Amino acid sequence: MNTTNKYKYSYGNKLTAAAQLYYKIKVLKKITVAPNVGFMYERSKKDIDNKILADISGGTLTLGSVGFEAANKKISGGANWQTPLSQNLANGIVRANNRMMIHISFLL
């Protein structure tokens, strides 16, 4: 949920939902690898600029993803590749490209 900023601009509210399937495989005694596959859905309302709808905003995007995670006792990391499956962004004016995400986590 977004609010209006000091310039009287409000970004459209956004909903993102994701689902992933994964399977954990023990590689060594202390290392686990988990390949995964999934989908993500994003839906955004149009932005409002000084009470006027911004036509080049809002829309829907569905992405497919494939990736992996690896973990041991104190550290985990992974990556995934996301590719658009369907999209209608800013009335077809904007096109989403592939995305890549890399992450690392430390257990304290």
C-alpha atoms as a PDB file:
ATOM      1  CA  MET A   1       0.000   0.000   0.000  1.00  0.00           C
ATOM      2  CA  ASN A   2       1.483   3.321  -1.055  1.00  0.00           C
ATOM      3  CA  THR A   3       0.726   6.855   0.041  1.00  0.00           C
ATOM      4  CA  THR A   4       1.195  10.217  -1.679  1.00  0.00           C
ATOM      5  CA  ASN A   5       4.657  11.794  -1.346  1.00  0.00           C
ATOM      6  CA  LYS A   6       5.504  15.484  -0.853  1.00  0.00           C
ATOM      7  CA  TYR A   7       5.391  16.011  -4.654  1.00  0.00           C
ATOM      8  CA  LYS A   8       1.733  14.830  -4.756  1.00  0.00           C
ATOM      9  CA  TYR A   9       2.790  11.616  -6.530  1.00  0.00           C
ATOM     10  CA  SER A  10       1.423   8.260  -5.455  1.00  0.00           C
ATOM     11  CA  TYR A  11       2.822   4.981  -6.776  1.00  0.00           C
ATOM     12  CA  GLY A  12       0.091   2.440  -7.465  1.00  0.00           C
ATOM     13  CA  ASN A  13      -0.492  -0.231  -4.848  1.00  0.00           C
ATOM     14  CA  LYS A  14       1.202  -3.514  -5.735  1.00  0.00           C
ATOM     15  CA  LEU A  15       0.462  -7.164  -5.025  1.00  0.00           C
ATOM     16  CA  THR A  16       3.126  -9.846  -5.499  1.00  0.00           C
ATOM     17  CA  ALA A  17       2.537 -13.578  -4.991  1.00  0.00           C
ATOM     18  CA  ALA A  18       5.030 -16.389  -5.524  1.00  0.00           C
ATOM     19  CA  ALA A  19       5.164 -20.176  -5.255  1.00  0.00           C
ATOM     20  CA  GLN A  20       8.167 -22.479  -5.525  1.00  0.00           C
ATOM     21  CA  LEU A  21       8.696 -26.221  -5.575  1.00  0.00           C
ATOM     22  CA  TYR A  22      12.049 -27.523  -4.388  1.00  0.00           C
ATOM     23  CA  TYR A  23      13.753 -30.778  -3.470  1.00  0.00           C
ATOM     24  CA  LYS A  24      16.578 -30.982  -0.924  1.00  0.00           C
ATOM     25  CA  ILE A  25      19.531 -33.213  -1.801  1.00  0.00           C
ATOM     26  CA  LYS A  26      22.256 -33.970   0.734  1.00  0.00           C
ATOM     27  CA  VAL A  27      25.569 -33.737  -1.158  1.00  0.00           C
ATOM     28  CA  LEU A  28      28.069 -34.141   1.655  1.00  0.00           C
ATOM     29  CA  LYS A  29      27.497 -34.687   5.361  1.00  0.00           C
ATOM     30  CA  LYS A  30      27.162 -30.943   5.976  1.00  0.00           C
ATOM     31  CA  ILE A  31      25.978 -29.556   2.603  1.00  0.00           C
ATOM     32  CA  THR A  32      22.450 -29.561   1.214  1.00  0.00           C
ATOM     33  CA  VAL A  33      21.520 -28.459  -2.320  1.00  0.00           C
ATOM     34  CA  ALA A  34      17.939 -27.588  -3.283  1.00  0.00           C
ATOM     35  CA  PRO A  35      17.065 -27.038  -6.954  1.00  0.00           C
ATOM     36  CA  ASN A  36      13.776 -25.170  -7.400  1.00  0.00           C
ATOM     37  CA  VAL A  37      11.204 -24.106  -9.959  1.00  0.00           C
ATOM     38  CA  GLY A  38       8.370 -21.626  -9.495  1.00  0.00           C
ATOM     39  CA  PHE A  39       6.045 -18.860 -10.589  1.00  0.00           C
ATOM     40  CA  MET A  40       5.593 -15.232  -9.550  1.00  0.00           C
ATOM     41  CA  TYR A  41       2.646 -12.926 -10.204  1.00  0.00           C
ATOM     42  CA  GLU A  42       2.740  -9.132  -9.868  1.00  0.00           C
ATOM     43  CA  ARG A  43      -0.155  -6.727 -10.234  1.00  0.00           C
ATOM     44  CA  SER A  44       0.188  -2.944  -9.874  1.00  0.00           C
ATOM     45  CA  LYS A  45      -2.415  -0.203  -9.992  1.00  0.00           C
ATOM     46  CA  LYS A  46      -1.698   2.949 -11.978  1.00  0.00           C
ATOM     47  CA  ASP A  47       0.343   5.725 -10.389  1.00  0.00           C
ATOM     48  CA  ILE A  48      -1.357   9.047  -9.622  1.00  0.00           C
ATOM     49  CA  ASP A  49       0.480  12.304 -10.349  1.00  0.00           C
ATOM     50  CA  ASN A  50      -1.225  15.321  -8.735  1.00  0.00           C
ATOM     51  CA  LYS A  51      -4.665  13.598  -8.951  1.00  0.00           C
ATOM     52  CA  ILE A  52      -4.107  12.521 -12.606  1.00  0.00           C
ATOM     53  CA  LEU A  53      -3.674   8.839 -13.543  1.00  0.00           C
ATOM     54  CA  ALA A  54      -0.258   8.118 -15.074  1.00  0.00           C
ATOM     55  CA  ASP A  55      -1.025   6.009 -18.161  1.00  0.00           C
ATOM     56  CA  ILE A  56       2.537   4.668 -18.388  1.00  0.00           C
ATOM     57  CA  SER A  57       2.246   2.688 -15.147  1.00  0.00           C
ATOM     58  CA  GLY A  58       0.447  -0.269 -13.622  1.00  0.00           C
ATOM     59  CA  GLY A  59      -0.298  -3.663 -15.103  1.00  0.00           C
ATOM     60  CA  THR A  60       0.347  -7.354 -14.592  1.00  0.00           C
ATOM     61  CA  LEU A  61       3.352  -9.644 -14.950  1.00  0.00           C
ATOM     62  CA  THR A  62       3.704 -13.421 -14.612  1.00  0.00           C
ATOM     63  CA  LEU A  63       7.208 -14.877 -14.319  1.00  0.00           C
ATOM     64  CA  GLY A  64       8.575 -18.406 -14.341  1.00  0.00           C
ATOM     65  CA  SER A  65      11.694 -19.140 -12.300  1.00  0.00           C
ATOM     66  CA  VAL A  66      14.353 -21.808 -11.982  1.00  0.00           C
ATOM     67  CA  GLY A  67      17.214 -21.853  -9.504  1.00  0.00           C
ATOM     68  CA  PHE A  68      19.056 -23.540  -6.656  1.00  0.00           C
ATOM     69  CA  GLU A  69      20.114 -23.033  -3.053  1.00  0.00           C
ATOM     70  CA  ALA A  70      23.031 -24.570  -1.174  1.00  0.00           C
ATOM     71  CA  ALA A  71      23.447 -24.575   2.598  1.00  0.00           C
ATOM     72  CA  ASN A  72      25.628 -25.816   5.403  1.00  0.00           C
ATOM     73  CA  LYS A  73      25.309 -25.180   9.152  1.00  0.00           C
ATOM     74  CA  LYS A  74      26.147 -21.450   9.166  1.00  0.00           C
ATOM     75  CA  ILE A  75      25.753 -20.119   5.616  1.00  0.00           C
ATOM     76  CA  SER A  76      23.403 -20.532   2.683  1.00  0.00           C
ATOM     77  CA  GLY A  77      23.263 -19.027  -0.761  1.00  0.00           C
ATOM     78  CA  GLY A  78      21.580 -19.406  -4.066  1.00  0.00           C
ATOM     79  CA  ALA A  79      20.442 -17.923  -7.316  1.00  0.00           C
ATOM     80  CA  ASN A  80      17.428 -18.002  -9.569  1.00  0.00           C
ATOM     81  CA  TRP A  81      16.559 -16.908 -13.068  1.00  0.00           C
ATOM     82  CA  GLN A  82      13.142 -15.355 -13.725  1.00  0.00           C
ATOM     83  CA  THR A  83      11.688 -14.990 -17.205  1.00  0.00           C
ATOM     84  CA  PRO A  84       8.407 -13.278 -18.194  1.00  0.00           C
ATOM     85  CA  LEU A  85       5.670 -15.716 -19.247  1.00  0.00           C
ATOM     86  CA  SER A  86       2.962 -13.097 -19.774  1.00  0.00           C
ATOM     87  CA  GLN A  87       2.828  -9.355 -19.260  1.00  0.00           C
ATOM     88  CA  ASN A  88       0.714  -6.266 -19.748  1.00  0.00           C
ATOM     89  CA  LEU A  89       2.667  -3.391 -18.233  1.00  0.00           C
ATOM     90  CA  ALA A  90       1.691   0.268 -18.760  1.00  0.00           C
ATOM     91  CA  ASN A  91      -0.877  -0.687 -21.407  1.00  0.00           C
ATOM     92  CA  GLY A  92       1.758  -2.652 -23.356  1.00  0.00           C
ATOM     93  CA  ILE A  93       4.231   0.240 -23.543  1.00  0.00           C
ATOM     94  CA  VAL A  94       6.709  -1.221 -21.043  1.00  0.00           C
ATOM     95  CA  ARG A  95       8.296  -4.677 -21.529  1.00  0.00           C
ATOM     96  CA  ALA A  96       9.864  -6.668 -18.696  1.00  0.00           C
ATOM     97  CA  ASN A  97      13.065  -8.590 -19.409  1.00  0.00           C
ATOM     98  CA  ASN A  98      14.660 -11.558 -17.690  1.00  0.00           C
ATOM     99  CA  ARG A  99      15.753 -11.135 -14.071  1.00  0.00           C
ATOM    100  CA  MET A 100      18.393 -12.827 -11.980  1.00  0.00           C
ATOM    101  CA  MET A 101      18.552 -12.899  -8.201  1.00  0.00           C
ATOM    102  CA  ILE A 102      21.556 -13.966  -6.101  1.00  0.00           C
ATOM    103  CA  HIS A 103      21.386 -14.224  -2.318  1.00  0.00           C
ATOM    104  CA  ILE A 104      23.495 -15.207   0.658  1.00  0.00           C
ATOM    105  CA  SER A 105      22.428 -15.698   4.285  1.00  0.00           C
ATOM    106  CA  PHE A 106      24.378 -16.126   7.510  1.00  0.00           C
ATOM    107  CA  LEU A 107      22.997 -17.906  10.554  1.00  0.00           C
ATOM    108  CA  LEU A 108      23.840 -16.036  13.751  1.00  0.00           C
END
